[in-house]
Amino acid sequence: MQKSFVSLYSIICFTIFLSFIQASCNNAETTSTATSKDSIMPKQIAEKKYGSVNNQDVVEYTLSNDSGFSMRVINYGATITAINAKDKQGNVANVVLHYENLEGYLQKNNPYFGTVVGRFANRIGKAKFTLNGKQYSLAANNFGNALHGGLKGFDKQVWKAVKLGDSSIRFDYNSPDGEEGYPGNFSAEVTYTITDANEIKIDYSATTDKPTPVNLTNHSYFNLSGGKDSTILAHDIMIQADSITEVDKDLIPTGKIISITGGPMDFTNEKNIGKDIAKVAGGYDHNWVLNDRSNDLKKAAELYHPSSGRVMEVFTTQPGLQFYTGNFLDGSLTNTGDHKKYIKHAGLCLETQHFPDSPNQPGFPNTILQPGETFHSTTVYKFTTR
């Protein structure tokens, strides 16, 4: 009897022991599974309320990768408000001119900081063009010419934001027929993607129901010092172009493409920006005709800031690049965060584009989008150090 009791007791203890071991294994497996799932959870695109325009919410979105590279963009003007990149010491700083709040971007004299400009970026002479025998008059907002889409171009619109996963976001805007004088109901999409290679990829696409000019670009002002240098004159630049579109005193193309080889505008070999800028009246604000004008994605330029070691490479499918050295900045604009004034040459733009005034220049690459066609272009800004 006692022997049977001992055997029964042993069996019960062993059963309890096995149950405990199994429960422990199950807990470990659950913990391991949860940890595994957490480790592969995708990064989320962070968002925060940024203000409102005409009762429409403006939201700021943050895209980032695992190496500390990030960008911020708002749906007002599809505007890039920050590109945070490391220097050669590993220090992160914002390398675009910006404001810390929406009020800065709503200023009348905001010079397109970080915005998408359209329906036609750059200038159209005398704010007019003729298409299929009909003359169209545009909003004249630049010495009698049309600049960057007019008085209320794409930079001053609230776009619809659509998240495309953890590292990409698309902005949509429908421009009605006749807006700023342009024909056709025009649908534009701009997609920003951040990559693990510290690239910002910008894809533009558009459709229309009437023939219309199209030229879309981003108008970010770069200063790779991250705010340490008040100007970009200590930067070096290389541009893969040995000619530009000649312009008149109002920066409207004459229709001629002229060589710049050996002159102050020759950047085919990397050169300091400040070296020859005084030799160019007003500073650099011209369209460089890329040597490769194909629709392929190719390297167009490389910007380098020796002190920080930051490098920005520019790739594009477009035939032209507007290199602008912030000549019209005059210190009247102030960063709403640190109150630093944006003086002349505080930043530079590298606007990938078709040529200015193309609707009036039959010798330039075509910019007329037809119904049934889809406009598409891609630009990549890649950040490294050396």
Protein backbone atom coordinates (compact mmCIF):
# COMPACT_ATOMS: atom_id res chain seq x y z
CA MET A 1 0.00 0.00 0.00
CA GLN A 2 2.75 2.42 0.97
CA LYS A 3 4.74 1.34 -2.07
CA SER A 4 1.76 2.04 -4.36
CA PHE A 5 1.27 5.43 -2.74
CA VAL A 6 4.91 6.36 -3.35
CA SER A 7 4.68 5.31 -6.99
CA LEU A 8 1.51 7.31 -7.49
CA TYR A 9 3.12 10.33 -5.82
CA SER A 10 6.15 10.03 -8.11
CA ILE A 11 3.97 9.90 -11.20
CA ILE A 12 2.03 12.99 -10.11
CA CYS A 13 5.25 14.94 -9.45
CA PHE A 14 6.72 13.91 -12.78
CA THR A 15 3.53 14.97 -14.58
CA ILE A 16 3.60 18.38 -12.90
CA PHE A 17 7.29 18.74 -13.83
CA LEU A 18 6.56 17.98 -17.49
CA SER A 19 3.70 20.50 -17.48
CA PHE A 20 6.03 23.15 -16.07
CA ILE A 21 8.68 22.43 -18.70
CA GLN A 22 6.12 22.60 -21.51
CA ALA A 23 4.69 25.88 -20.22
CA SER A 24 8.18 27.36 -19.99
CA CYS A 25 8.92 26.29 -23.57
CA ASN A 26 5.65 27.77 -24.77
CA ASN A 27 6.42 31.07 -23.03
CA ALA A 28 9.90 31.10 -24.50
CA GLU A 29 8.50 30.40 -27.95
CA THR A 30 5.88 33.12 -27.55
CA THR A 31 8.54 35.59 -26.39
CA SER A 32 10.85 34.57 -29.23
CA THR A 33 8.05 34.93 -31.77
CA ALA A 34 7.05 38.33 -30.41
CA THR A 35 10.68 39.48 -30.50
CA SER A 36 11.05 38.20 -34.03
CA LYS A 37 7.88 39.97 -35.14
CA ASP A 38 8.95 43.19 -33.44
CA SER A 39 12.32 43.03 -35.18
CA ILE A 40 10.73 42.89 -38.62
CA MET A 41 8.02 45.45 -37.96
CA PRO A 42 8.35 48.09 -40.69
CA LYS A 43 9.33 51.65 -39.84
CA GLN A 44 6.33 53.91 -39.75
CA ILE A 45 6.10 57.28 -41.49
CA ALA A 46 5.63 59.67 -38.57
CA GLU A 47 3.22 62.54 -38.97
CA LYS A 48 2.22 65.62 -37.01
CA LYS A 49 -0.22 68.46 -37.48
CA TYR A 50 1.58 71.46 -38.97
CA GLY A 51 -1.27 73.97 -39.26
CA SER A 52 -4.03 74.71 -41.74
CA VAL A 53 -4.61 76.68 -44.92
CA ASN A 54 -8.14 77.68 -45.97
CA ASN A 55 -9.58 75.13 -43.52
CA GLN A 56 -7.39 72.38 -44.99
CA ASP A 57 -5.06 70.53 -42.64
CA VAL A 58 -1.36 70.76 -43.28
CA VAL A 59 0.59 67.74 -42.02
CA GLU A 60 4.33 67.13 -41.77
CA TYR A 61 5.58 63.63 -42.55
CA THR A 62 8.95 62.18 -41.52
CA LEU A 63 10.65 59.44 -43.54
CA SER A 64 13.80 57.77 -42.21
CA ASN A 65 16.14 54.83 -42.66
CA ASP A 66 18.15 52.79 -40.15
CA SER A 67 21.38 54.76 -40.61
CA GLY A 68 20.07 58.05 -39.18
CA PHE A 69 19.24 59.66 -42.52
CA SER A 70 15.81 61.29 -42.69
CA MET A 71 13.65 63.84 -44.44
CA ARG A 72 10.53 65.79 -43.55
CA VAL A 73 7.89 66.97 -46.01
CA ILE A 74 4.56 68.77 -45.70
CA ASN A 75 1.51 68.48 -47.94
CA TYR A 76 1.46 72.25 -48.50
CA GLY A 77 3.33 72.58 -51.79
CA ALA A 78 4.66 69.02 -51.30
CA THR A 79 7.45 70.95 -49.58
CA ILE A 80 10.64 69.38 -48.22
CA THR A 81 11.22 71.00 -44.82
CA ALA A 82 14.27 68.98 -43.79
CA ILE A 83 16.94 66.63 -45.10
CA ASN A 84 18.98 65.40 -42.15
CA ALA A 85 22.35 64.01 -43.25
CA LYS A 86 25.55 63.06 -41.41
CA ASP A 87 28.88 64.82 -41.89
CA LYS A 88 32.22 62.97 -41.94
CA GLN A 89 32.27 63.01 -38.11
CA GLY A 90 28.83 61.43 -37.92
CA ASN A 91 27.05 64.62 -36.84
CA VAL A 92 23.53 65.02 -38.26
CA ALA A 93 22.23 68.38 -39.53
CA ASN A 94 19.50 69.73 -41.78
CA VAL A 95 21.07 70.59 -45.14
CA VAL A 96 18.19 72.56 -46.71
CA LEU A 97 17.05 76.11 -46.01
CA HIS A 98 13.75 75.93 -44.17
CA TYR A 99 11.31 77.42 -41.69
CA GLU A 100 10.28 75.80 -38.42
CA ASN A 101 6.58 76.51 -38.86
CA LEU A 102 3.92 76.94 -41.53
CA GLU A 103 3.82 80.72 -41.18
CA GLY A 104 7.27 80.92 -42.74
CA TYR A 105 6.14 79.05 -45.83
CA LEU A 106 2.99 81.20 -46.13
CA GLN A 107 4.98 84.44 -46.44
CA LYS A 108 4.40 86.28 -49.72
CA ASN A 109 8.14 86.56 -50.30
CA ASN A 110 8.93 82.91 -49.53
CA PRO A 111 11.32 82.00 -52.40
CA TYR A 112 9.95 78.49 -52.98
CA PHE A 113 11.95 76.89 -50.16
CA GLY A 114 11.69 73.14 -50.74
CA THR A 115 8.50 73.30 -52.79
CA VAL A 116 7.34 71.48 -55.89
CA VAL A 117 6.87 74.09 -58.61
CA GLY A 118 4.55 73.78 -61.60
CA ARG A 119 2.54 73.52 -63.78
CA PHE A 120 5.62 74.88 -65.56
CA ALA A 121 8.80 75.37 -63.56
CA ASN A 122 11.15 78.25 -64.40
CA ARG A 123 10.21 81.05 -66.79
CA ILE A 124 7.91 81.51 -69.76
CA GLY A 125 8.69 84.73 -71.64
CA LYS A 126 6.09 87.50 -71.62
CA ALA A 127 3.77 85.08 -69.79
CA LYS A 128 2.38 83.86 -73.12
CA PHE A 129 2.64 80.90 -75.47
CA THR A 130 0.79 79.67 -78.54
CA LEU A 131 -0.42 76.08 -78.81
CA ASN A 132 -2.33 74.63 -81.77
CA GLY A 133 -2.94 78.14 -83.10
CA LYS A 134 -4.35 79.52 -79.86
CA GLN A 135 -2.52 82.00 -77.65
CA TYR A 136 -2.63 81.46 -73.89
CA SER A 137 -1.96 84.25 -71.40
CA LEU A 138 -0.51 83.24 -68.06
CA ALA A 139 -0.22 84.96 -64.71
CA ALA A 140 2.72 87.36 -65.02
CA ASN A 141 4.62 87.28 -61.72
CA ASN A 142 8.23 87.98 -62.70
CA PHE A 143 8.97 91.23 -64.57
CA GLY A 144 6.16 90.54 -67.03
CA ASN A 145 7.08 86.87 -67.37
CA ALA A 146 5.55 83.74 -65.85
CA LEU A 147 7.68 82.07 -63.17
CA HIS A 148 7.20 78.68 -61.48
CA GLY A 149 3.52 78.30 -62.33
CA GLY A 150 2.23 81.79 -61.58
CA LEU A 151 0.78 83.69 -58.66
CA LYS A 152 -0.66 80.57 -57.06
CA GLY A 153 1.25 77.69 -58.51
CA PHE A 154 1.62 74.16 -57.21
CA ASP A 155 3.86 75.45 -54.41
CA LYS A 156 0.86 77.18 -52.79
CA GLN A 157 -1.61 74.30 -52.97
CA VAL A 158 -2.54 71.71 -50.35
CA TRP A 159 -1.81 68.30 -51.86
CA LYS A 160 -3.42 65.00 -50.90
CA ALA A 161 -0.92 62.71 -49.16
CA VAL A 162 -0.93 58.93 -49.66
CA LYS A 163 1.49 56.77 -47.66
CA LEU A 164 3.06 53.99 -49.74
CA GLY A 165 4.54 51.75 -47.09
CA ASP A 166 7.23 52.68 -44.58
CA SER A 167 9.63 54.65 -46.79
CA SER A 168 7.59 56.29 -49.53
CA ILE A 169 4.83 58.88 -49.73
CA ARG A 170 2.91 60.28 -52.70
CA PHE A 171 1.33 63.72 -53.07
CA ASP A 172 -1.54 64.30 -55.51
CA TYR A 173 -2.87 67.57 -56.90
CA ASN A 174 -5.55 68.15 -59.54
CA SER A 175 -5.10 71.46 -61.34
CA PRO A 176 -8.34 72.62 -63.03
CA ASP A 177 -8.56 73.78 -66.64
CA GLY A 178 -7.56 77.44 -66.83
CA GLU A 179 -5.71 77.61 -63.50
CA GLU A 180 -3.10 80.37 -63.79
CA GLY A 181 -3.96 80.45 -67.51
CA TYR A 182 -2.90 76.89 -68.38
CA PRO A 183 -5.19 74.69 -70.49
CA GLY A 184 -6.52 71.30 -69.43
CA ASN A 185 -7.52 69.49 -66.28
CA PHE A 186 -4.12 68.39 -65.11
CA SER A 187 -3.42 65.67 -62.53
CA ALA A 188 0.02 65.66 -60.91
CA GLU A 189 1.65 63.10 -58.64
CA VAL A 190 4.92 63.52 -56.77
CA THR A 191 6.35 60.56 -54.86
CA TYR A 192 9.18 60.86 -52.33
CA THR A 193 11.09 57.70 -51.41
CA ILE A 194 13.95 57.41 -48.93
CA THR A 195 16.39 54.53 -49.43
CA ASP A 196 18.89 52.63 -47.30
CA ALA A 197 21.63 54.16 -49.48
CA ASN A 198 20.78 57.64 -48.10
CA GLU A 199 19.00 58.68 -51.27
CA ILE A 200 15.91 60.78 -51.77
CA LYS A 201 14.16 59.64 -54.92
CA ILE A 202 11.53 61.93 -56.43
CA ASP A 203 9.17 60.55 -59.06
CA TYR A 204 6.96 62.98 -60.96
CA SER A 205 4.03 61.96 -63.15
CA ALA A 206 1.11 63.80 -64.74
CA THR A 207 -1.83 63.45 -67.12
CA THR A 208 -4.10 65.97 -68.85
CA ASP A 209 -7.29 66.12 -70.88
CA LYS A 210 -6.03 68.94 -73.14
CA PRO A 211 -2.57 69.64 -74.59
CA THR A 212 -0.62 71.64 -72.02
CA PRO A 213 2.98 72.53 -71.10
CA VAL A 214 4.47 70.62 -68.17
CA ASN A 215 7.73 71.08 -66.31
CA LEU A 216 7.82 69.86 -62.70
CA THR A 217 10.73 70.13 -60.27
CA ASN A 218 11.64 70.54 -56.62
CA HIS A 219 13.01 73.88 -55.47
CA SER A 220 15.04 72.97 -52.39
CA TYR A 221 17.87 75.28 -51.37
CA PHE A 222 20.88 73.24 -50.23
CA ASN A 223 23.64 74.21 -47.83
CA LEU A 224 25.67 71.13 -46.95
CA SER A 225 27.31 72.84 -43.99
CA GLY A 226 24.08 72.20 -42.07
CA GLY A 227 23.80 75.82 -40.99
CA LYS A 228 27.44 76.37 -40.00
CA ASP A 229 28.30 78.45 -43.08
CA SER A 230 26.16 81.48 -43.87
CA THR A 231 26.71 81.01 -47.64
CA ILE A 232 27.43 78.24 -50.11
CA LEU A 233 30.47 79.95 -51.64
CA ALA A 234 32.87 77.45 -50.00
CA HIS A 235 31.12 74.52 -51.68
CA ASP A 236 32.59 72.78 -54.72
CA ILE A 237 30.43 71.61 -57.62
CA MET A 238 30.67 69.51 -60.75
CA ILE A 239 28.01 69.68 -63.48
CA GLN A 240 27.97 67.26 -66.41
CA ALA A 241 27.33 69.94 -69.01
CA ASP A 242 29.51 71.98 -71.35
CA SER A 243 26.75 74.33 -72.57
CA ILE A 244 23.84 76.41 -71.30
CA THR A 245 20.74 77.99 -72.77
CA GLU A 246 21.66 81.63 -73.48
CA VAL A 247 19.39 84.15 -71.73
CA ASP A 248 18.59 87.85 -71.99
CA LYS A 249 18.67 90.38 -69.15
CA ASP A 250 15.40 88.99 -67.74
CA LEU A 251 16.79 85.43 -67.78
CA ILE A 252 14.54 84.43 -70.71
CA PRO A 253 16.23 82.09 -73.21
CA THR A 254 17.15 83.52 -76.60
CA GLY A 255 16.78 80.09 -78.18
CA LYS A 256 20.53 79.58 -78.53
CA ILE A 257 22.54 76.90 -76.79
CA ILE A 258 26.06 78.21 -76.16
CA SER A 259 29.32 76.60 -75.06
CA ILE A 260 30.71 77.43 -71.61
CA THR A 261 33.94 75.45 -71.94
CA GLY A 262 36.84 77.20 -70.23
CA GLY A 263 34.73 80.04 -68.87
CA PRO A 264 33.44 80.96 -65.39
CA MET A 265 30.37 78.74 -65.88
CA ASP A 266 32.38 75.65 -66.74
CA PHE A 267 31.96 73.09 -63.94
CA THR A 268 32.73 69.95 -65.92
CA ASN A 269 35.61 69.53 -63.48
CA GLU A 270 34.82 70.08 -59.81
CA LYS A 271 35.37 73.74 -58.93
CA ASN A 272 34.78 76.06 -56.00
CA ILE A 273 31.53 77.99 -56.43
CA GLY A 274 32.94 81.25 -55.09
CA LYS A 275 35.96 81.23 -57.39
CA ASP A 276 34.33 82.79 -60.47
CA ILE A 277 30.89 83.85 -59.28
CA ALA A 278 31.80 87.56 -59.42
CA LYS A 279 32.46 87.16 -63.15
CA VAL A 280 28.81 86.23 -63.77
CA ALA A 281 26.46 89.20 -63.50
CA GLY A 282 24.08 88.60 -60.62
CA GLY A 283 25.48 85.16 -59.86
CA TYR A 284 24.61 81.76 -61.26
CA ASP A 285 20.96 81.35 -62.31
CA HIS A 286 21.07 79.48 -65.61
CA ASN A 287 19.95 76.26 -67.24
CA TRP A 288 22.85 73.89 -67.86
CA VAL A 289 22.23 71.69 -70.91
CA LEU A 290 23.28 68.23 -69.78
CA ASN A 291 25.66 66.39 -72.06
CA ASP A 292 23.38 63.37 -71.80
CA ARG A 293 19.90 64.62 -72.71
CA SER A 294 18.34 61.16 -72.82
CA ASN A 295 15.42 60.03 -70.70
CA ASP A 296 17.73 57.64 -68.86
CA LEU A 297 18.58 58.22 -65.21
CA LYS A 298 22.12 59.65 -65.28
CA LYS A 299 24.40 61.65 -63.02
CA ALA A 300 23.99 65.36 -63.60
CA ALA A 301 25.96 67.01 -60.80
CA GLU A 302 27.90 66.53 -57.58
CA LEU A 303 28.02 69.04 -54.72
CA TYR A 304 30.74 68.88 -52.04
CA HIS A 305 31.32 70.79 -48.83
CA PRO A 306 34.98 70.23 -47.83
CA SER A 307 34.66 71.28 -44.19
CA SER A 308 31.83 68.88 -43.31
CA GLY A 309 32.76 66.27 -45.91
CA ARG A 310 29.16 66.01 -47.06
CA VAL A 311 28.58 65.08 -50.69
CA MET A 312 25.33 65.27 -52.65
CA GLU A 313 25.07 63.58 -56.05
CA VAL A 314 22.22 64.50 -58.39
CA PHE A 315 20.76 62.02 -60.87
CA THR A 316 17.93 62.79 -63.27
CA THR A 317 16.03 61.71 -66.36
CA GLN A 318 15.62 65.36 -67.40
CA PRO A 319 17.74 67.15 -70.05
CA GLY A 320 18.48 70.30 -68.03
CA LEU A 321 19.63 71.51 -64.63
CA GLN A 322 19.00 74.99 -63.23
CA PHE A 323 21.92 75.94 -61.00
CA TYR A 324 20.85 78.90 -58.86
CA THR A 325 23.02 80.38 -56.10
CA GLY A 326 20.36 82.22 -54.08
CA ASN A 327 21.19 85.57 -55.65
CA PHE A 328 17.90 87.18 -54.63
CA LEU A 329 18.16 86.27 -50.94
CA ASP A 330 18.93 89.52 -49.11
CA GLY A 331 18.73 88.86 -45.39
CA SER A 332 15.07 89.85 -45.08
CA LEU A 333 14.04 86.21 -44.58
CA THR A 334 14.73 84.58 -41.23
CA ASN A 335 14.65 80.96 -40.09
CA THR A 336 11.76 80.90 -37.64
CA GLY A 337 13.69 78.44 -35.45
CA ASP A 338 17.13 79.90 -34.71
CA HIS A 339 16.33 83.33 -36.23
CA LYS A 340 19.33 83.10 -38.55
CA LYS A 341 18.97 85.43 -41.54
CA TYR A 342 19.15 83.98 -45.02
CA ILE A 343 21.59 86.30 -46.74
CA LYS A 344 22.65 86.37 -50.39
CA HIS A 345 24.01 82.96 -51.48
CA ALA A 346 22.75 81.30 -48.27
CA GLY A 347 21.70 78.27 -50.29
CA LEU A 348 21.78 76.90 -53.81
CA CYS A 349 19.25 75.10 -55.99
CA LEU A 350 19.87 72.25 -58.40
CA GLU A 351 16.53 72.06 -60.20
CA THR A 352 16.27 69.15 -62.62
CA GLN A 353 14.06 70.28 -65.48
CA HIS A 354 13.22 70.81 -69.11
CA PHE A 355 14.53 74.05 -70.56
CA PRO A 356 12.97 77.41 -69.60
CA ASP A 357 10.51 79.02 -72.04
CA SER A 358 10.27 75.76 -73.99
CA PRO A 359 6.69 76.42 -75.19
CA ASN A 360 8.07 79.42 -77.11
CA GLN A 361 11.28 77.76 -78.31
CA PRO A 362 10.67 75.16 -81.06
CA GLY A 363 14.33 74.14 -81.00
CA PHE A 364 14.15 73.01 -77.36
CA PRO A 365 13.00 69.54 -76.23
CA ASN A 366 9.23 69.23 -76.30
CA THR A 367 7.30 69.97 -73.09
CA ILE A 368 3.73 69.66 -74.38
CA LEU A 369 1.80 66.83 -72.73
CA GLN A 370 -1.00 65.37 -74.85
CA PRO A 371 -4.23 63.70 -73.66
CA GLY A 372 -3.69 59.98 -73.33
CA GLU A 373 0.01 60.43 -72.53
CA THR A 374 1.66 60.29 -69.11
CA PHE A 375 4.49 62.62 -68.19
CA HIS A 376 7.11 60.97 -66.01
CA SER A 377 10.50 62.00 -64.67
CA THR A 378 12.78 60.90 -61.84
CA THR A 379 15.35 62.75 -59.77
CA VAL A 380 17.61 61.28 -57.08
CA TYR A 381 19.62 63.19 -54.48
CA LYS A 382 22.20 60.85 -52.90
CA PHE A 383 24.11 61.83 -49.74
CA THR A 384 27.53 60.48 -48.75
CA THR A 385 30.75 61.85 -47.23
CA ARG A 386 34.40 62.00 -48.19
